[in-house]
Amino acid sequence: MRNGIKAVVLIAISPDNICWFIELKDYRRDRAHPISDLHNEIADKVFDSLAAMLPASFL
């Protein structure tokens, strides 16, 4: 089970319709989240961002 909803910092769409999910993280100061968990944290944020965007695709 997932704990809470997370999202990427920025979603951008290029002129040629490529969607970019941009996540910013400064691990120089944030020691609460080990860098070894970075890939899981980004995957969770992209998943939740896509899930949040899904309803908009039906409009």
PDB file of N, CA and C in Angstrom:
ATOM      1  N   MET A   1       0.843  -1.183   0.000  1.00  0.00           N
ATOM      2  CA  MET A   1       0.000   0.000   0.000  1.00  0.00           C
ATOM      3  C   MET A   1       0.883   1.239   0.000  1.00  0.00           C
ATOM      4  N   ARG A   2       0.453   2.218  -0.731  1.00  0.00           N
ATOM      5  CA  ARG A   2       1.230   3.450  -0.855  1.00  0.00           C
ATOM      6  C   ARG A   2       0.842   4.438   0.232  1.00  0.00           C
ATOM      7  N   ASN A   3       1.811   5.223   0.662  1.00  0.00           N
ATOM      8  CA  ASN A   3       1.566   6.228   1.698  1.00  0.00           C
ATOM      9  C   ASN A   3       1.473   7.603   1.059  1.00  0.00           C
ATOM     10  N   GLY A   4       0.278   8.119   0.947  1.00  0.00           N
ATOM     11  CA  GLY A   4       0.088   9.464   0.426  1.00  0.00           C
ATOM     12  C   GLY A   4       0.263   9.564  -1.077  1.00  0.00           C
ATOM     13  N   ILE A   5      -0.017  10.740  -1.581  1.00  0.00           N
ATOM     14  CA  ILE A   5       0.106  11.018  -3.008  1.00  0.00           C
ATOM     15  C   ILE A   5       1.285  11.960  -3.194  1.00  0.00           C
ATOM     16  N   LYS A   6       2.114  11.649  -4.157  1.00  0.00           N
ATOM     17  CA  LYS A   6       3.267  12.485  -4.481  1.00  0.00           C
ATOM     18  C   LYS A   6       3.142  12.895  -5.936  1.00  0.00           C
ATOM     19  N   ALA A   7       3.877  13.903  -6.327  1.00  0.00           N
ATOM     20  CA  ALA A   7       3.845  14.335  -7.726  1.00  0.00           C
ATOM     21  C   ALA A   7       5.198  14.919  -8.100  1.00  0.00           C
ATOM     22  N   VAL A   8       5.488  14.923  -9.394  1.00  0.00           N
ATOM     23  CA  VAL A   8       6.713  15.535  -9.867  1.00  0.00           C
ATOM     24  C   VAL A   8       6.581  17.050  -9.728  1.00  0.00           C
ATOM     25  N   VAL A   9       7.708  17.740  -9.756  1.00  0.00           N
ATOM     26  CA  VAL A   9       7.718  19.183  -9.552  1.00  0.00           C
ATOM     27  C   VAL A   9       7.142  19.924 -10.748  1.00  0.00           C
ATOM     28  N   LEU A  10       7.456  19.456 -11.948  1.00  0.00           N
ATOM     29  CA  LEU A  10       7.060  20.187 -13.152  1.00  0.00           C
ATOM     30  C   LEU A  10       6.757  19.208 -14.278  1.00  0.00           C
ATOM     31  N   ILE A  11       5.699  19.473 -15.003  1.00  0.00           N
ATOM     32  CA  ILE A  11       5.373  18.703 -16.203  1.00  0.00           C
ATOM     33  C   ILE A  11       5.374  19.690 -17.365  1.00  0.00           C
ATOM     34  N   ALA A  12       6.183  19.405 -18.374  1.00  0.00           N
ATOM     35  CA  ALA A  12       6.293  20.301 -19.526  1.00  0.00           C
ATOM     36  C   ALA A  12       6.012  19.515 -20.798  1.00  0.00           C
ATOM     37  N   ILE A  13       5.387  20.174 -21.769  1.00  0.00           N
ATOM     38  CA  ILE A  13       5.126  19.562 -23.067  1.00  0.00           C
ATOM     39  C   ILE A  13       5.844  20.394 -24.124  1.00  0.00           C
ATOM     40  N   SER A  14       6.704  19.740 -24.869  1.00  0.00           N
ATOM     41  CA  SER A  14       7.488  20.423 -25.891  1.00  0.00           C
ATOM     42  C   SER A  14       6.624  20.694 -27.124  1.00  0.00           C
ATOM     43  N   PRO A  15       7.080  21.559 -28.021  1.00  0.00           N
ATOM     44  CA  PRO A  15       6.311  21.849 -29.234  1.00  0.00           C
ATOM     45  C   PRO A  15       6.030  20.613 -30.096  1.00  0.00           C
ATOM     46  N   ASP A  16       6.893  19.596 -29.999  1.00  0.00           N
ATOM     47  CA  ASP A  16       6.649  18.378 -30.776  1.00  0.00           C
ATOM     48  C   ASP A  16       5.921  17.321 -29.945  1.00  0.00           C
ATOM     49  N   ASN A  17       5.180  17.769 -28.913  1.00  0.00           N
ATOM     50  CA  ASN A  17       4.298  16.940 -28.076  1.00  0.00           C
ATOM     51  C   ASN A  17       5.007  15.844 -27.292  1.00  0.00           C
ATOM     52  N   ILE A  18       6.205  16.128 -26.823  1.00  0.00           N
ATOM     53  CA  ILE A  18       6.896  15.223 -25.908  1.00  0.00           C
ATOM     54  C   ILE A  18       6.653  15.733 -24.495  1.00  0.00           C
ATOM     55  N   CYS A  19       6.203  14.830 -23.627  1.00  0.00           N
ATOM     56  CA  CYS A  19       5.901  15.200 -22.243  1.00  0.00           C
ATOM     57  C   CYS A  19       7.124  14.917 -21.378  1.00  0.00           C
ATOM     58  N   TRP A  20       7.563  15.936 -20.639  1.00  0.00           N
ATOM     59  CA  TRP A  20       8.715  15.814 -19.751  1.00  0.00           C
ATOM     60  C   TRP A  20       8.251  15.904 -18.304  1.00  0.00           C
ATOM     61  N   PHE A  21       8.615  14.933 -17.498  1.00  0.00           N
ATOM     62  CA  PHE A  21       8.356  14.960 -16.059  1.00  0.00           C
ATOM     63  C   PHE A  21       9.664  15.350 -15.387  1.00  0.00           C
ATOM     64  N   ILE A  22       9.674  16.491 -14.725  1.00  0.00           N
ATOM     65  CA  ILE A  22      10.903  17.043 -14.160  1.00  0.00           C
ATOM     66  C   ILE A  22      10.806  17.027 -12.629  1.00  0.00           C
ATOM     67  N   GLU A  23      11.764  16.385 -12.014  1.00  0.00           N
ATOM     68  CA  GLU A  23      11.820  16.305 -10.558  1.00  0.00           C
ATOM     69  C   GLU A  23      13.115  16.965 -10.089  1.00  0.00           C
ATOM     70  N   LEU A  24      12.999  17.855  -9.141  1.00  0.00           N
ATOM     71  CA  LEU A  24      14.161  18.539  -8.591  1.00  0.00           C
ATOM     72  C   LEU A  24      14.371  18.072  -7.156  1.00  0.00           C
ATOM     73  N   LYS A  25      15.583  17.716  -6.843  1.00  0.00           N
ATOM     74  CA  LYS A  25      15.875  17.257  -5.488  1.00  0.00           C
ATOM     75  C   LYS A  25      17.304  17.647  -5.165  1.00  0.00           C
ATOM     76  N   ASP A  26      17.506  18.262  -4.019  1.00  0.00           N
ATOM     77  CA  ASP A  26      18.840  18.636  -3.569  1.00  0.00           C
ATOM     78  C   ASP A  26      19.244  17.696  -2.442  1.00  0.00           C
ATOM     79  N   TYR A  27      20.002  16.685  -2.774  1.00  0.00           N
ATOM     80  CA  TYR A  27      20.414  15.699  -1.773  1.00  0.00           C
ATOM     81  C   TYR A  27      21.643  16.143  -0.994  1.00  0.00           C
ATOM     82  N   ARG A  28      22.162  17.313  -1.293  1.00  0.00           N
ATOM     83  CA  ARG A  28      23.294  17.800  -0.505  1.00  0.00           C
ATOM     84  C   ARG A  28      22.861  18.158   0.908  1.00  0.00           C
ATOM     85  N   ARG A  29      21.606  18.569   1.074  1.00  0.00           N
ATOM     86  CA  ARG A  29      21.135  19.000   2.391  1.00  0.00           C
ATOM     87  C   ARG A  29      20.081  18.069   2.979  1.00  0.00           C
ATOM     88  N   ASP A  30      19.339  17.369   2.144  1.00  0.00           N
ATOM     89  CA  ASP A  30      18.233  16.531   2.608  1.00  0.00           C
ATOM     90  C   ASP A  30      18.737  15.123   2.925  1.00  0.00           C
ATOM     91  N   ARG A  31      18.975  14.860   4.179  1.00  0.00           N
ATOM     92  CA  ARG A  31      19.464  13.543   4.589  1.00  0.00           C
ATOM     93  C   ARG A  31      18.326  12.657   5.080  1.00  0.00           C
ATOM     94  N   ALA A  32      17.088  13.140   5.032  1.00  0.00           N
ATOM     95  CA  ALA A  32      15.941  12.355   5.489  1.00  0.00           C
ATOM     96  C   ALA A  32      15.641  11.215   4.526  1.00  0.00           C
ATOM     97  N   HIS A  33      15.980  11.393   3.248  1.00  0.00           N
ATOM     98  CA  HIS A  33      15.732  10.375   2.227  1.00  0.00           C
ATOM     99  C   HIS A  33      17.074   9.935   1.643  1.00  0.00           C
ATOM    100  N   PRO A  34      17.483   8.721   1.897  1.00  0.00           N
ATOM    101  CA  PRO A  34      18.763   8.249   1.346  1.00  0.00           C
ATOM    102  C   PRO A  34      18.762   8.258  -0.177  1.00  0.00           C
ATOM    103  N   ILE A  35      19.897   8.587  -0.766  1.00  0.00           N
ATOM    104  CA  ILE A  35      19.988   8.663  -2.226  1.00  0.00           C
ATOM    105  C   ILE A  35      19.733   7.299  -2.865  1.00  0.00           C
ATOM    106  N   SER A  36      19.907   6.219  -2.128  1.00  0.00           N
ATOM    107  CA  SER A  36      19.649   4.889  -2.680  1.00  0.00           C
ATOM    108  C   SER A  36      18.166   4.674  -2.980  1.00  0.00           C
ATOM    109  N   ASP A  37      17.287   5.472  -2.361  1.00  0.00           N
ATOM    110  CA  ASP A  37      15.847   5.374  -2.602  1.00  0.00           C
ATOM    111  C   ASP A  37      15.370   6.292  -3.721  1.00  0.00           C
ATOM    112  N   LEU A  38      16.292   6.980  -4.379  1.00  0.00           N
ATOM    113  CA  LEU A  38      15.920   7.986  -5.376  1.00  0.00           C
ATOM    114  C   LEU A  38      15.089   7.404  -6.510  1.00  0.00           C
ATOM    115  N   HIS A  39      15.470   6.252  -7.046  1.00  0.00           N
ATOM    116  CA  HIS A  39      14.721   5.688  -8.176  1.00  0.00           C
ATOM    117  C   HIS A  39      13.293   5.320  -7.769  1.00  0.00           C
ATOM    118  N   ASN A  40      13.092   4.825  -6.560  1.00  0.00           N
ATOM    119  CA  ASN A  40      11.735   4.511  -6.097  1.00  0.00           C
ATOM    120  C   ASN A  40      10.914   5.775  -5.888  1.00  0.00           C
ATOM    121  N   GLU A  41      11.537   6.799  -5.344  1.00  0.00           N
ATOM    122  CA  GLU A  41      10.818   8.052  -5.103  1.00  0.00           C
ATOM    123  C   GLU A  41      10.376   8.699  -6.413  1.00  0.00           C
ATOM    124  N   ILE A  42      11.243   8.713  -7.407  1.00  0.00           N
ATOM    125  CA  ILE A  42      10.886   9.293  -8.704  1.00  0.00           C
ATOM    126  C   ILE A  42       9.814   8.459  -9.390  1.00  0.00           C
ATOM    127  N   ALA A  43       9.935   7.133  -9.334  1.00  0.00           N
ATOM    128  CA  ALA A  43       8.921   6.266  -9.949  1.00  0.00           C
ATOM    129  C   ALA A  43       7.554   6.485  -9.312  1.00  0.00           C
ATOM    130  N   ASP A  44       7.510   6.602  -7.981  1.00  0.00           N
ATOM    131  CA  ASP A  44       6.236   6.858  -7.303  1.00  0.00           C
ATOM    132  C   ASP A  44       5.645   8.195  -7.729  1.00  0.00           C
ATOM    133  N   LYS A  45       6.478   9.215  -7.845  1.00  0.00           N
ATOM    134  CA  LYS A  45       5.989  10.539  -8.222  1.00  0.00           C
ATOM    135  C   LYS A  45       5.471  10.568  -9.657  1.00  0.00           C
ATOM    136  N   VAL A  46       6.164   9.904 -10.574  1.00  0.00           N
ATOM    137  CA  VAL A  46       5.692   9.851 -11.956  1.00  0.00           C
ATOM    138  C   VAL A  46       4.378   9.080 -12.033  1.00  0.00           C
ATOM    139  N   PHE A  47       4.288   7.953 -11.335  1.00  0.00           N
ATOM    140  CA  PHE A  47       3.058   7.155 -11.316  1.00  0.00           C
ATOM    141  C   PHE A  47       1.880   7.983 -10.809  1.00  0.00           C
ATOM    142  N   ASP A  48       2.065   8.666  -9.680  1.00  0.00           N
ATOM    143  CA  ASP A  48       0.979   9.465  -9.117  1.00  0.00           C
ATOM    144  C   ASP A  48       0.628  10.647 -10.013  1.00  0.00           C
ATOM    145  N   SER A  49       1.626  11.241 -10.663  1.00  0.00           N
ATOM    146  CA  SER A  49       1.352  12.353 -11.581  1.00  0.00           C
ATOM    147  C   SER A  49       0.529  11.880 -12.774  1.00  0.00           C
ATOM    148  N   LEU A  50       0.884  10.717 -13.324  1.00  0.00           N
ATOM    149  CA  LEU A  50       0.111  10.164 -14.439  1.00  0.00           C
ATOM    150  C   LEU A  50      -1.310   9.820 -14.007  1.00  0.00           C
ATOM    151  N   ALA A  51      -1.454   9.274 -12.814  1.00  0.00           N
ATOM    152  CA  ALA A  51      -2.785   8.938 -12.299  1.00  0.00           C
ATOM    153  C   ALA A  51      -3.632  10.190 -12.124  1.00  0.00           C
ATOM    154  N   ALA A  52      -3.023  11.282 -11.712  1.00  0.00           N
ATOM    155  CA  ALA A  52      -3.760  12.539 -11.537  1.00  0.00           C
ATOM    156  C   ALA A  52      -4.150  13.142 -12.885  1.00  0.00           C
ATOM    157  N   MET A  53      -3.349  12.906 -13.916  1.00  0.00           N
ATOM    158  CA  MET A  53      -3.633  13.455 -15.241  1.00  0.00           C
ATOM    159  C   MET A  53      -4.654  12.634 -16.014  1.00  0.00           C
ATOM    160  N   LEU A  54      -4.846  11.391 -15.645  1.00  0.00           N
ATOM    161  CA  LEU A  54      -5.758  10.502 -16.379  1.00  0.00           C
ATOM    162  C   LEU A  54      -7.165  11.058 -16.529  1.00  0.00           C
ATOM    163  N   PRO A  55      -7.794  11.565 -15.471  1.00  0.00           N
ATOM    164  CA  PRO A  55      -9.155  12.094 -15.648  1.00  0.00           C
ATOM    165  C   PRO A  55      -9.222  13.240 -16.674  1.00  0.00           C
ATOM    166  N   ALA A  56      -8.158  14.019 -16.788  1.00  0.00           N
ATOM    167  CA  ALA A  56      -8.163  15.126 -17.740  1.00  0.00           C
ATOM    168  C   ALA A  56      -8.177  14.614 -19.182  1.00  0.00           C
ATOM    169  N   SER A  57      -7.709  13.403 -19.408  1.00  0.00           N
ATOM    170  CA  SER A  57      -7.685  12.884 -20.768  1.00  0.00           C
ATOM    171  C   SER A  57      -9.085  12.548 -21.278  1.00  0.00           C
ATOM    172  N   PHE A  58     -10.055  12.478 -20.388  1.00  0.00           N
ATOM    173  CA  PHE A  58     -11.431  12.172 -20.790  1.00  0.00           C
ATOM    174  C   PHE A  58     -12.239  13.421 -21.111  1.00  0.00           C
ATOM    175  N   LEU A  59     -11.659  14.600 -20.928  1.00  0.00           N
ATOM    176  CA  LEU A  59     -12.388  15.844 -21.207  1.00  0.00           C
ATOM    177  C   LEU A  59     -12.376  16.188 -22.666  1.00  0.00           C
TER     178      LEU A  59
END
